Each structure stands twice: as structure tokens, then as C-alpha cells.
Amino acid sequence: ASEAGVDDFLAQATPEDKLAYIRKEQEGGRLIAMCGDGTNDAPAL
């Protein structure tokens, strides 16, 4: 995360963790974009 320059990171994230994070942000009125490539990213996408 430090090398890439992202603002934050979510470690040891399961598909459920990614989904919960997005839903929490959306409940706060934010629009969320997700970039992914694996089957475990499909629910979040």
C-alpha cells in the first residue's frame, strides 16, 4: 500500500469483508467503484 500510494488498505480480506465494506460506504451516501479480477472479487464487483 505504501509503495503503491493508496490512501488505505484492507488486509486479509475475505469476499464477505469486501462486500461489507462497500455496503457500509454506500450507506453513508458514497458512490463506490471496485476494480478486481478474481472470483473472490465477484460479490464486491
PDB file of all heavy atoms in Angstrom:
ATOM      1  N   ALA A   1       0.828  -1.209   0.000  1.00  0.00           N
ATOM      2  CA  ALA A   1       0.000   0.000   0.000  1.00  0.00           C
ATOM      3  C   ALA A   1       0.858   1.254   0.000  1.00  0.00           C
ATOM      4  O   ALA A   1       0.573   2.230  -0.702  1.00  0.00           O
ATOM      5  CB  ALA A   1      -0.939  -0.008   1.206  1.00  0.00           C
ATOM      6  N   SER A   2       1.938   1.226   0.800  1.00  0.00           N
ATOM      7  CA  SER A   2       2.842   2.373   0.862  1.00  0.00           C
ATOM      8  C   SER A   2       3.549   2.577  -0.467  1.00  0.00           C
ATOM      9  O   SER A   2       3.673   3.703  -0.952  1.00  0.00           O
ATOM     10  CB  SER A   2       3.861   2.163   1.977  1.00  0.00           C
ATOM     11  OG  SER A   2       4.808   3.204   1.994  1.00  0.00           O
ATOM     12  N   GLU A   3       3.996   1.471  -1.065  1.00  0.00           N
ATOM     13  CA  GLU A   3       4.706   1.571  -2.341  1.00  0.00           C
ATOM     14  C   GLU A   3       3.784   2.047  -3.461  1.00  0.00           C
ATOM     15  O   GLU A   3       4.187   2.812  -4.338  1.00  0.00           O
ATOM     16  CB  GLU A   3       5.299   0.205  -2.705  1.00  0.00           C
ATOM     17  CG  GLU A   3       6.174   0.223  -3.945  1.00  0.00           C
ATOM     18  CD  GLU A   3       6.777  -1.140  -4.240  1.00  0.00           C
ATOM     19  OE1 GLU A   3       6.632  -2.067  -3.405  1.00  0.00           O
ATOM     20  OE2 GLU A   3       7.381  -1.278  -5.318  1.00  0.00           O
ATOM     21  N   ALA A   4       2.517   1.605  -3.431  1.00  0.00           N
ATOM     22  CA  ALA A   4       1.575   1.973  -4.488  1.00  0.00           C
ATOM     23  C   ALA A   4       0.992   3.367  -4.287  1.00  0.00           C
ATOM     24  O   ALA A   4       0.534   3.989  -5.253  1.00  0.00           O
ATOM     25  CB  ALA A   4       0.444   0.949  -4.547  1.00  0.00           C
ATOM     26  N   GLY A   5       0.981   3.855  -3.042  1.00  0.00           N
ATOM     27  CA  GLY A   5       0.468   5.199  -2.788  1.00  0.00           C
ATOM     28  C   GLY A   5      -1.031   5.272  -2.612  1.00  0.00           C
ATOM     29  O   GLY A   5      -1.633   6.325  -2.855  1.00  0.00           O
ATOM     30  N   VAL A   6      -1.659   4.161  -2.173  1.00  0.00           N
ATOM     31  CA  VAL A   6      -3.101   4.205  -1.924  1.00  0.00           C
ATOM     32  C   VAL A   6      -3.365   4.879  -0.581  1.00  0.00           C
ATOM     33  O   VAL A   6      -2.485   4.980   0.272  1.00  0.00           O
ATOM     34  CB  VAL A   6      -3.723   2.790  -1.946  1.00  0.00           C
ATOM     35  CG1 VAL A   6      -3.609   2.177  -3.326  1.00  0.00           C
ATOM     36  CG2 VAL A   6      -3.075   1.889  -0.903  1.00  0.00           C
ATOM     37  N   ASP A   7      -4.603   5.330  -0.389  1.00  0.00           N
ATOM     38  CA  ASP A   7      -4.949   6.050   0.839  1.00  0.00           C
ATOM     39  C   ASP A   7      -5.161   5.120   2.025  1.00  0.00           C
ATOM     40  O   ASP A   7      -4.943   5.501   3.175  1.00  0.00           O
ATOM     41  CB  ASP A   7      -6.221   6.880   0.615  1.00  0.00           C
ATOM     42  CG  ASP A   7      -6.022   7.952  -0.439  1.00  0.00           C
ATOM     43  OD1 ASP A   7      -4.996   8.641  -0.388  1.00  0.00           O
ATOM     44  OD2 ASP A   7      -6.884   8.080  -1.323  1.00  0.00           O
ATOM     45  N   ASP A   8      -5.608   3.887   1.775  1.00  0.00           N
ATOM     46  CA  ASP A   8      -5.894   2.959   2.864  1.00  0.00           C
ATOM     47  C   ASP A   8      -5.838   1.545   2.306  1.00  0.00           C
ATOM     48  O   ASP A   8      -5.762   1.347   1.091  1.00  0.00           O
ATOM     49  CB  ASP A   8      -7.282   3.246   3.458  1.00  0.00           C
ATOM     50  CG  ASP A   8      -7.449   2.674   4.861  1.00  0.00           C
ATOM     51  OD1 ASP A   8      -6.507   2.020   5.356  1.00  0.00           O
ATOM     52  OD2 ASP A   8      -8.534   2.872   5.443  1.00  0.00           O
ATOM     53  N   PHE A   9      -5.853   0.553   3.187  1.00  0.00           N
ATOM     54  CA  PHE A   9      -5.860  -0.832   2.725  1.00  0.00           C
ATOM     55  C   PHE A   9      -6.700  -1.687   3.659  1.00  0.00           C
ATOM     56  O   PHE A   9      -6.910  -1.352   4.833  1.00  0.00           O
ATOM     57  CB  PHE A   9      -4.435  -1.396   2.617  1.00  0.00           C
ATOM     58  CG  PHE A   9      -3.722  -1.531   3.932  1.00  0.00           C
ATOM     59  CD1 PHE A   9      -3.843  -2.686   4.703  1.00  0.00           C
ATOM     60  CD2 PHE A   9      -2.914  -0.498   4.403  1.00  0.00           C
ATOM     61  CE1 PHE A   9      -3.179  -2.802   5.920  1.00  0.00           C
ATOM     62  CE2 PHE A   9      -2.250  -0.607   5.612  1.00  0.00           C
ATOM     63  CZ  PHE A   9      -2.380  -1.761   6.380  1.00  0.00           C
ATOM     64  N   LEU A  10      -7.180  -2.791   3.116  1.00  0.00           N
ATOM     65  CA  LEU A  10      -7.965  -3.762   3.869  1.00  0.00           C
ATOM     66  C   LEU A  10      -7.247  -5.097   3.715  1.00  0.00           C
ATOM     67  O   LEU A  10      -7.255  -5.696   2.639  1.00  0.00           O
ATOM     68  CB  LEU A  10      -9.389  -3.838   3.305  1.00  0.00           C
ATOM     69  CG  LEU A  10     -10.426  -4.636   4.087  1.00  0.00           C
ATOM     70  CD1 LEU A  10     -10.653  -4.014   5.457  1.00  0.00           C
ATOM     71  CD2 LEU A  10     -11.735  -4.688   3.318  1.00  0.00           C
ATOM     72  N   ALA A  11      -6.576  -5.568   4.792  1.00  0.00           N
ATOM     73  CA  ALA A  11      -5.759  -6.785   4.737  1.00  0.00           C
ATOM     74  C   ALA A  11      -6.581  -8.014   5.125  1.00  0.00           C
ATOM     75  O   ALA A  11      -7.605  -7.909   5.805  1.00  0.00           O
ATOM     76  CB  ALA A  11      -4.551  -6.652   5.651  1.00  0.00           C
ATOM     77  N   GLN A  12      -6.073  -9.174   4.686  1.00  0.00           N
ATOM     78  CA  GLN A  12      -6.716 -10.458   4.976  1.00  0.00           C
ATOM     79  C   GLN A  12      -8.217 -10.391   4.703  1.00  0.00           C
ATOM     80  O   GLN A  12      -9.045 -10.883   5.468  1.00  0.00           O
ATOM     81  CB  GLN A  12      -6.443 -10.868   6.428  1.00  0.00           C
ATOM     82  CG  GLN A  12      -4.960 -11.119   6.703  1.00  0.00           C
ATOM     83  CD  GLN A  12      -4.665 -11.447   8.150  1.00  0.00           C
ATOM     84  OE1 GLN A  12      -5.315 -10.933   9.060  1.00  0.00           O
ATOM     85  NE2 GLN A  12      -3.674 -12.301   8.377  1.00  0.00           N
ATOM     86  N   ALA A  13      -8.542  -9.759   3.580  1.00  0.00           N
ATOM     87  CA  ALA A  13      -9.944  -9.509   3.254  1.00  0.00           C
ATOM     88  C   ALA A  13     -10.579 -10.726   2.593  1.00  0.00           C
ATOM     89  O   ALA A  13     -10.070 -11.249   1.603  1.00  0.00           O
ATOM     90  CB  ALA A  13     -10.054  -8.297   2.325  1.00  0.00           C
ATOM     91  N   THR A  14     -11.672 -11.173   3.133  1.00  0.00           N
ATOM     92  CA  THR A  14     -12.471 -12.233   2.529  1.00  0.00           C
ATOM     93  C   THR A  14     -13.510 -11.580   1.615  1.00  0.00           C
ATOM     94  O   THR A  14     -13.743 -10.366   1.686  1.00  0.00           O
ATOM     95  CB  THR A  14     -13.189 -13.050   3.607  1.00  0.00           C
ATOM     96  OG1 THR A  14     -14.127 -12.185   4.286  1.00  0.00           O
ATOM     97  CG2 THR A  14     -12.205 -13.614   4.613  1.00  0.00           C
ATOM     98  N   PRO A  15     -14.164 -12.350   0.744  1.00  0.00           N
ATOM     99  CA  PRO A  15     -15.237 -11.774  -0.077  1.00  0.00           C
ATOM    100  C   PRO A  15     -16.307 -11.090   0.765  1.00  0.00           C
ATOM    101  O   PRO A  15     -16.839 -10.044   0.374  1.00  0.00           O
ATOM    102  CB  PRO A  15     -15.795 -12.995  -0.824  1.00  0.00           C
ATOM    103  CG  PRO A  15     -14.631 -13.925  -0.930  1.00  0.00           C
ATOM    104  CD  PRO A  15     -13.866 -13.736   0.353  1.00  0.00           C
ATOM    105  N   GLU A  16     -16.606 -11.664   1.944  1.00  0.00           N
ATOM    106  CA  GLU A  16     -17.609 -11.055   2.829  1.00  0.00           C
ATOM    107  C   GLU A  16     -17.130  -9.712   3.366  1.00  0.00           C
ATOM    108  O   GLU A  16     -17.926  -8.769   3.506  1.00  0.00           O
ATOM    109  CB  GLU A  16     -17.926 -12.002   3.996  1.00  0.00           C
ATOM    110  CG  GLU A  16     -18.648 -13.286   3.606  1.00  0.00           C
ATOM    111  CD  GLU A  16     -17.722 -14.337   3.001  1.00  0.00           C
ATOM    112  OE1 GLU A  16     -16.474 -14.158   3.063  1.00  0.00           O
ATOM    113  OE2 GLU A  16     -18.234 -15.326   2.459  1.00  0.00           O
ATOM    114  N   ASP A  17     -15.810  -9.612   3.654  1.00  0.00           N
ATOM    115  CA  ASP A  17     -15.257  -8.352   4.157  1.00  0.00           C
ATOM    116  C   ASP A  17     -15.373  -7.249   3.107  1.00  0.00           C
ATOM    117  O   ASP A  17     -15.728  -6.101   3.422  1.00  0.00           O
ATOM    118  CB  ASP A  17     -13.789  -8.538   4.544  1.00  0.00           C
ATOM    119  CG  ASP A  17     -13.609  -9.454   5.744  1.00  0.00           C
ATOM    120  OD1 ASP A  17     -14.555  -9.536   6.555  1.00  0.00           O
ATOM    121  OD2 ASP A  17     -12.540 -10.084   5.857  1.00  0.00           O
ATOM    122  N   LYS A  18     -15.049  -7.586   1.866  1.00  0.00           N
ATOM    123  CA  LYS A  18     -15.131  -6.593   0.782  1.00  0.00           C
ATOM    124  C   LYS A  18     -16.568  -6.117   0.606  1.00  0.00           C
ATOM    125  O   LYS A  18     -16.830  -4.917   0.450  1.00  0.00           O
ATOM    126  CB  LYS A  18     -14.621  -7.195  -0.531  1.00  0.00           C
ATOM    127  CG  LYS A  18     -13.172  -7.648  -0.496  1.00  0.00           C
ATOM    128  CD  LYS A  18     -12.800  -8.355  -1.795  1.00  0.00           C
ATOM    129  CE  LYS A  18     -11.416  -8.972  -1.706  1.00  0.00           C
ATOM    130  NZ  LYS A  18     -11.033  -9.696  -2.935  1.00  0.00           N
ATOM    131  N   LEU A  19     -17.493  -7.066   0.627  1.00  0.00           N
ATOM    132  CA  LEU A  19     -18.907  -6.738   0.451  1.00  0.00           C
ATOM    133  C   LEU A  19     -19.402  -5.851   1.587  1.00  0.00           C
ATOM    134  O   LEU A  19     -20.110  -4.850   1.358  1.00  0.00           O
ATOM    135  CB  LEU A  19     -19.716  -8.032   0.388  1.00  0.00           C
ATOM    136  CG  LEU A  19     -21.118  -7.959  -0.213  1.00  0.00           C
ATOM    137  CD1 LEU A  19     -21.070  -7.450  -1.635  1.00  0.00           C
ATOM    138  CD2 LEU A  19     -21.770  -9.344  -0.158  1.00  0.00           C
ATOM    139  N   ALA A  20     -19.025  -6.182   2.814  1.00  0.00           N
ATOM    140  CA  ALA A  20     -19.457  -5.398   3.975  1.00  0.00           C
ATOM    141  C   ALA A  20     -18.893  -3.983   3.917  1.00  0.00           C
ATOM    142  O   ALA A  20     -19.585  -3.014   4.261  1.00  0.00           O
ATOM    143  CB  ALA A  20     -19.017  -6.100   5.258  1.00  0.00           C
ATOM    144  N   TYR A  21     -17.631  -3.856   3.465  1.00  0.00           N
ATOM    145  CA  TYR A  21     -17.007  -2.535   3.384  1.00  0.00           C
ATOM    146  C   TYR A  21     -17.761  -1.655   2.387  1.00  0.00           C
ATOM    147  O   TYR A  21     -18.043  -0.475   2.661  1.00  0.00           O
ATOM    148  CB  TYR A  21     -15.546  -2.686   2.955  1.00  0.00           C
ATOM    149  CG  TYR A  21     -14.762  -1.397   2.968  1.00  0.00           C
ATOM    150  CD1 TYR A  21     -14.031  -1.012   4.085  1.00  0.00           C
ATOM    151  CD2 TYR A  21     -14.758  -0.554   1.863  1.00  0.00           C
ATOM    152  CE1 TYR A  21     -13.315   0.178   4.102  1.00  0.00           C
ATOM    153  CE2 TYR A  21     -14.051   0.633   1.863  1.00  0.00           C
ATOM    154  CZ  TYR A  21     -13.325   0.996   2.983  1.00  0.00           C
ATOM    155  OH  TYR A  21     -12.627   2.178   2.990  1.00  0.00           O
ATOM    156  N   ILE A  22     -18.087  -2.217   1.224  1.00  0.00           N
ATOM    157  CA  ILE A  22     -18.786  -1.441   0.196  1.00  0.00           C
ATOM    158  C   ILE A  22     -20.167  -1.021   0.692  1.00  0.00           C
ATOM    159  O   ILE A  22     -20.581   0.136   0.523  1.00  0.00           O
ATOM    160  CB  ILE A  22     -18.898  -2.256  -1.103  1.00  0.00           C
ATOM    161  CG1 ILE A  22     -17.510  -2.428  -1.730  1.00  0.00           C
ATOM    162  CG2 ILE A  22     -19.836  -1.584  -2.102  1.00  0.00           C
ATOM    163  CD1 ILE A  22     -17.488  -3.308  -2.957  1.00  0.00           C
ATOM    164  N   ARG A  23     -20.876  -1.946   1.313  1.00  0.00           N
ATOM    165  CA  ARG A  23     -22.219  -1.624   1.794  1.00  0.00           C
ATOM    166  C   ARG A  23     -22.182  -0.538   2.861  1.00  0.00           C
ATOM    167  O   ARG A  23     -23.045   0.352   2.890  1.00  0.00           O
ATOM    168  CB  ARG A  23     -22.887  -2.882   2.346  1.00  0.00           C
ATOM    169  CG  ARG A  23     -23.342  -3.849   1.259  1.00  0.00           C
ATOM    170  CD  ARG A  23     -23.861  -5.142   1.831  1.00  0.00           C
ATOM    171  NE  ARG A  23     -24.405  -6.007   0.779  1.00  0.00           N
ATOM    172  CZ  ARG A  23     -24.713  -7.273   0.942  1.00  0.00           C
ATOM    173  NH1 ARG A  23     -24.551  -7.848   2.142  1.00  0.00           N
ATOM    174  NH2 ARG A  23     -25.197  -7.986  -0.055  1.00  0.00           N
ATOM    175  N   LYS A  24     -21.184  -0.590   3.726  1.00  0.00           N
ATOM    176  CA  LYS A  24     -21.056   0.435   4.768  1.00  0.00           C
ATOM    177  C   LYS A  24     -20.814   1.811   4.153  1.00  0.00           C
ATOM    178  O   LYS A  24     -21.412   2.811   4.583  1.00  0.00           O
ATOM    179  CB  LYS A  24     -19.901   0.069   5.710  1.00  0.00           C
ATOM    180  CG  LYS A  24     -19.707   1.056   6.850  1.00  0.00           C
ATOM    181  CD  LYS A  24     -18.536   0.639   7.739  1.00  0.00           C
ATOM    182  CE  LYS A  24     -18.295   1.666   8.848  1.00  0.00           C
ATOM    183  NZ  LYS A  24     -17.127   1.291   9.686  1.00  0.00           N
ATOM    184  N   GLU A  25     -19.935   1.859   3.144  1.00  0.00           N
ATOM    185  CA  GLU A  25     -19.664   3.134   2.468  1.00  0.00           C
ATOM    186  C   GLU A  25     -20.914   3.644   1.755  1.00  0.00           C
ATOM    187  O   GLU A  25     -21.213   4.843   1.774  1.00  0.00           O
ATOM    188  CB  GLU A  25     -18.517   2.963   1.471  1.00  0.00           C
ATOM    189  CG  GLU A  25     -17.167   2.683   2.094  1.00  0.00           C
ATOM    190  CD  GLU A  25     -16.592   3.895   2.794  1.00  0.00           C
ATOM    191  OE1 GLU A  25     -16.377   4.923   2.128  1.00  0.00           O
ATOM    192  OE2 GLU A  25     -16.373   3.831   4.020  1.00  0.00           O
ATOM    193  N   GLN A  26     -21.644   2.754   1.098  1.00  0.00           N
ATOM    194  CA  GLN A  26     -22.855   3.161   0.379  1.00  0.00           C
ATOM    195  C   GLN A  26     -23.934   3.659   1.323  1.00  0.00           C
ATOM    196  O   GLN A  26     -24.677   4.580   0.981  1.00  0.00           O
ATOM    197  CB  GLN A  26     -23.371   1.992  -0.470  1.00  0.00           C
ATOM    198  CG  GLN A  26     -22.489   1.679  -1.669  1.00  0.00           C
ATOM    199  CD  GLN A  26     -22.910   0.413  -2.394  1.00  0.00           C
ATOM    200  OE1 GLN A  26     -23.457  -0.502  -1.786  1.00  0.00           O
ATOM    201  NE2 GLN A  26     -22.649   0.343  -3.690  1.00  0.00           N
ATOM    202  N   GLU A  27     -24.017   3.052   2.505  1.00  0.00           N
ATOM    203  CA  GLU A  27     -24.985   3.526   3.493  1.00  0.00           C
ATOM    204  C   GLU A  27     -24.678   4.939   3.939  1.00  0.00           C
ATOM    205  O   GLU A  27     -25.569   5.675   4.369  1.00  0.00           O
ATOM    206  CB  GLU A  27     -25.006   2.583   4.701  1.00  0.00           C
ATOM    207  CG  GLU A  27     -25.662   1.232   4.416  1.00  0.00           C
ATOM    208  CD  GLU A  27     -25.477   0.239   5.545  1.00  0.00           C
ATOM    209  OE1 GLU A  27     -24.837   0.617   6.564  1.00  0.00           O
ATOM    210  OE2 GLU A  27     -25.944  -0.906   5.425  1.00  0.00           O
ATOM    211  N   GLY A  28     -23.397   5.322   3.832  1.00  0.00           N
ATOM    212  CA  GLY A  28     -23.002   6.688   4.158  1.00  0.00           C
ATOM    213  C   GLY A  28     -23.221   7.665   3.019  1.00  0.00           C
ATOM    214  O   GLY A  28     -22.793   8.815   3.106  1.00  0.00           O
ATOM    215  N   GLY A  29     -23.859   7.208   1.943  1.00  0.00           N
ATOM    216  CA  GLY A  29     -24.180   8.091   0.825  1.00  0.00           C
ATOM    217  C   GLY A  29     -23.088   8.216  -0.220  1.00  0.00           C
ATOM    218  O   GLY A  29     -23.156   9.083  -1.082  1.00  0.00           O
ATOM    219  N   ARG A  30     -22.081   7.338  -0.163  1.00  0.00           N
ATOM    220  CA  ARG A  30     -20.976   7.415  -1.127  1.00  0.00           C
ATOM    221  C   ARG A  30     -21.223   6.482  -2.308  1.00  0.00           C
ATOM    222  O   ARG A  30     -21.854   5.445  -2.164  1.00  0.00           O
ATOM    223  CB  ARG A  30     -19.651   7.063  -0.452  1.00  0.00           C
ATOM    224  CG  ARG A  30     -19.265   8.007   0.669  1.00  0.00           C
ATOM    225  CD  ARG A  30     -17.961   7.576   1.335  1.00  0.00           C
ATOM    226  NE  ARG A  30     -17.597   8.458   2.424  1.00  0.00           N
ATOM    227  CZ  ARG A  30     -18.022   8.330   3.663  1.00  0.00           C
ATOM    228  NH1 ARG A  30     -18.834   7.326   3.964  1.00  0.00           N
ATOM    229  NH2 ARG A  30     -17.663   9.175   4.599  1.00  0.00           N
ATOM    230  N   LEU A  31     -20.692   6.877  -3.474  1.00  0.00           N
ATOM    231  CA  LEU A  31     -20.715   6.021  -4.651  1.00  0.00           C
ATOM    232  C   LEU A  31     -19.376   5.301  -4.734  1.00  0.00           C
ATOM    233  O   LEU A  31     -18.325   5.930  -4.677  1.00  0.00           O
ATOM    234  CB  LEU A  31     -20.949   6.842  -5.922  1.00  0.00           C
ATOM    235  CG  LEU A  31     -22.380   7.338  -6.157  1.00  0.00           C
ATOM    236  CD1 LEU A  31     -22.450   8.151  -7.436  1.00  0.00           C
ATOM    237  CD2 LEU A  31     -23.354   6.179  -6.224  1.00  0.00           C
ATOM    238  N   ILE A  32     -19.412   3.978  -4.876  1.00  0.00           N
ATOM    239  CA  ILE A  32     -18.209   3.158  -4.780  1.00  0.00           C
ATOM    240  C   ILE A  32     -17.894   2.515  -6.130  1.00  0.00           C
ATOM    241  O   ILE A  32     -18.776   1.984  -6.804  1.00  0.00           O
ATOM    242  CB  ILE A  32     -18.381   2.044  -3.726  1.00  0.00           C
ATOM    243  CG1 ILE A  32     -18.864   2.640  -2.394  1.00  0.00           C
ATOM    244  CG2 ILE A  32     -17.079   1.283  -3.534  1.00  0.00           C
ATOM    245  CD1 ILE A  32     -17.927   3.663  -1.804  1.00  0.00           C
ATOM    246  N   ALA A  33     -16.618   2.570  -6.485  1.00  0.00           N
ATOM    247  CA  ALA A  33     -16.119   1.835  -7.646  1.00  0.00           C
ATOM    248  C   ALA A  33     -15.211   0.725  -7.143  1.00  0.00           C
ATOM    249  O   ALA A  33     -14.505   0.889  -6.152  1.00  0.00           O
ATOM    250  CB  ALA A  33     -15.354   2.757  -8.592  1.00  0.00           C
ATOM    251  N   MET A  34     -15.255  -0.417  -7.818  1.00  0.00           N
ATOM    252  CA  MET A  34     -14.440  -1.565  -7.424  1.00  0.00           C
ATOM    253  C   MET A  34     -13.713  -2.099  -8.645  1.00  0.00           C
ATOM    254  O   MET A  34     -14.317  -2.307  -9.694  1.00  0.00           O
ATOM    255  CB  MET A  34     -15.335  -2.660  -6.828  1.00  0.00           C
ATOM    256  CG  MET A  34     -14.658  -4.011  -6.627  1.00  0.00           C
ATOM    257  SD  MET A  34     -13.492  -4.020  -5.243  1.00  0.00           S
ATOM    258  CE  MET A  34     -12.749  -5.648  -5.413  1.00  0.00           C
ATOM    259  N   CYS A  35     -12.395  -2.282  -8.537  1.00  0.00           N
ATOM    260  CA  CYS A  35     -11.605  -2.906  -9.589  1.00  0.00           C
ATOM    261  C   CYS A  35     -11.112  -4.250  -9.073  1.00  0.00           C
ATOM    262  O   CYS A  35     -10.495  -4.311  -8.009  1.00  0.00           O
ATOM    263  CB  CYS A  35     -10.402  -2.035  -9.973  1.00  0.00           C
ATOM    264  SG  CYS A  35     -10.823  -0.546 -10.873  1.00  0.00           S
ATOM    265  N   GLY A  36     -11.378  -5.314  -9.816  1.00  0.00           N
ATOM    266  CA  GLY A  36     -10.939  -6.630  -9.388  1.00  0.00           C
ATOM    267  C   GLY A  36     -10.833  -7.580 -10.558  1.00  0.00           C
ATOM    268  O   GLY A  36     -11.228  -7.253 -11.682  1.00  0.00           O
ATOM    269  N   ASP A  37     -10.302  -8.778 -10.275  1.00  0.00           N
ATOM    270  CA  ASP A  37     -10.108  -9.736 -11.364  1.00  0.00           C
ATOM    271  C   ASP A  37     -10.375 -11.180 -10.969  1.00  0.00           C
ATOM    272  O   ASP A  37     -10.412 -12.056 -11.822  1.00  0.00           O
ATOM    273  CB  ASP A  37      -8.689  -9.631 -11.926  1.00  0.00           C
ATOM    274  CG  ASP A  37      -7.623  -9.927 -10.868  1.00  0.00           C
ATOM    275  OD1 ASP A  37      -7.982 -10.047  -9.688  1.00  0.00           O
ATOM    276  OD2 ASP A  37      -6.436 -10.034 -11.232  1.00  0.00           O
ATOM    277  N   GLY A  38     -10.563 -11.470  -9.693  1.00  0.00           N
ATOM    278  CA  GLY A  38     -10.724 -12.854  -9.254  1.00  0.00           C
ATOM    279  C   GLY A  38     -12.164 -13.195  -8.927  1.00  0.00           C
ATOM    280  O   GLY A  38     -13.014 -12.314  -8.756  1.00  0.00           O
ATOM    281  N   THR A  39     -12.426 -14.483  -8.828  1.00  0.00           N
ATOM    282  CA  THR A  39     -13.768 -14.931  -8.462  1.00  0.00           C
ATOM    283  C   THR A  39     -14.159 -14.404  -7.087  1.00  0.00           C
ATOM    284  O   THR A  39     -15.327 -14.097  -6.833  1.00  0.00           O
ATOM    285  CB  THR A  39     -13.816 -16.470  -8.467  1.00  0.00           C
ATOM    286  OG1 THR A  39     -13.502 -16.931  -9.787  1.00  0.00           O
ATOM    287  CG2 THR A  39     -15.189 -16.985  -8.075  1.00  0.00           C
ATOM    288  N   ASN A  40     -13.172 -14.285  -6.187  1.00  0.00           N
ATOM    289  CA  ASN A  40     -13.480 -13.782  -4.851  1.00  0.00           C
ATOM    290  C   ASN A  40     -13.831 -12.289  -4.856  1.00  0.00           C
ATOM    291  O   ASN A  40     -14.296 -11.758  -3.859  1.00  0.00           O
ATOM    292  CB  ASN A  40     -12.315 -14.043  -3.888  1.00  0.00           C
ATOM    293  CG  ASN A  40     -11.054 -13.308  -4.287  1.00  0.00           C
ATOM    294  OD1 ASN A  40     -10.897 -12.912  -5.446  1.00  0.00           O
ATOM    295  ND2 ASN A  40     -10.146 -13.131  -3.358  1.00  0.00           N
ATOM    296  N   ASP A  41     -13.595 -11.610  -6.000  1.00  0.00           N
ATOM    297  CA  ASP A  41     -13.976 -10.202  -6.122  1.00  0.00           C
ATOM    298  C   ASP A  41     -15.392 -10.037  -6.660  1.00  0.00           C
ATOM    299  O   ASP A  41     -15.939  -8.925  -6.639  1.00  0.00           O
ATOM    300  CB  ASP A  41     -13.017  -9.462  -7.069  1.00  0.00           C
ATOM    301  CG  ASP A  41     -11.594  -9.425  -6.550  1.00  0.00           C
ATOM    302  OD1 ASP A  41     -11.418  -9.258  -5.332  1.00  0.00           O
ATOM    303  OD2 ASP A  41     -10.656  -9.571  -7.359  1.00  0.00           O
ATOM    304  N   ALA A  42     -15.982 -11.129  -7.188  1.00  0.00           N
ATOM    305  CA  ALA A  42     -17.264 -11.026  -7.886  1.00  0.00           C
ATOM    306  C   ALA A  42     -18.382 -10.415  -7.033  1.00  0.00           C
ATOM    307  O   ALA A  42     -19.107  -9.535  -7.511  1.00  0.00           O
ATOM    308  CB  ALA A  42     -17.683 -12.401  -8.413  1.00  0.00           C
ATOM    309  N   PRO A  43     -18.575 -10.826  -5.754  1.00  0.00           N
ATOM    310  CA  PRO A  43     -19.649 -10.203  -4.969  1.00  0.00           C
ATOM    311  C   PRO A  43     -19.461  -8.690  -4.811  1.00  0.00           C
ATOM    312  O   PRO A  43     -20.431  -7.933  -4.906  1.00  0.00           O
ATOM    313  CB  PRO A  43     -19.548 -10.924  -3.614  1.00  0.00           C
ATOM    314  CG  PRO A  43     -18.890 -12.229  -3.920  1.00  0.00           C
ATOM    315  CD  PRO A  43     -17.920 -11.928  -5.007  1.00  0.00           C
ATOM    316  N   ALA A  44     -18.219  -8.264  -4.579  1.00  0.00           N
ATOM    317  CA  ALA A  44     -17.949  -6.830  -4.419  1.00  0.00           C
ATOM    318  C   ALA A  44     -18.170  -6.087  -5.731  1.00  0.00           C
ATOM    319  O   ALA A  44     -18.700  -4.968  -5.745  1.00  0.00           O
ATOM    320  CB  ALA A  44     -16.517  -6.617  -3.919  1.00  0.00           C
ATOM    321  N   LEU A  45     -17.773  -6.690  -6.852  1.00  0.00           N
ATOM    322  CA  LEU A  45     -17.973  -6.061  -8.159  1.00  0.00           C
ATOM    323  C   LEU A  45     -19.462  -5.885  -8.446  1.00  0.00           C
ATOM    324  O   LEU A  45     -19.881  -4.884  -9.038  1.00  0.00           O
ATOM    325  CB  LEU A  45     -17.319  -6.901  -9.258  1.00  0.00           C
ATOM    326  CG  LEU A  45     -15.789  -6.880  -9.304  1.00  0.00           C
ATOM    327  CD1 LEU A  45     -15.273  -7.969 -10.229  1.00  0.00           C
ATOM    328  CD2 LEU A  45     -15.274  -5.513  -9.764  1.00  0.00           C
TER     329      LEU A  45
END
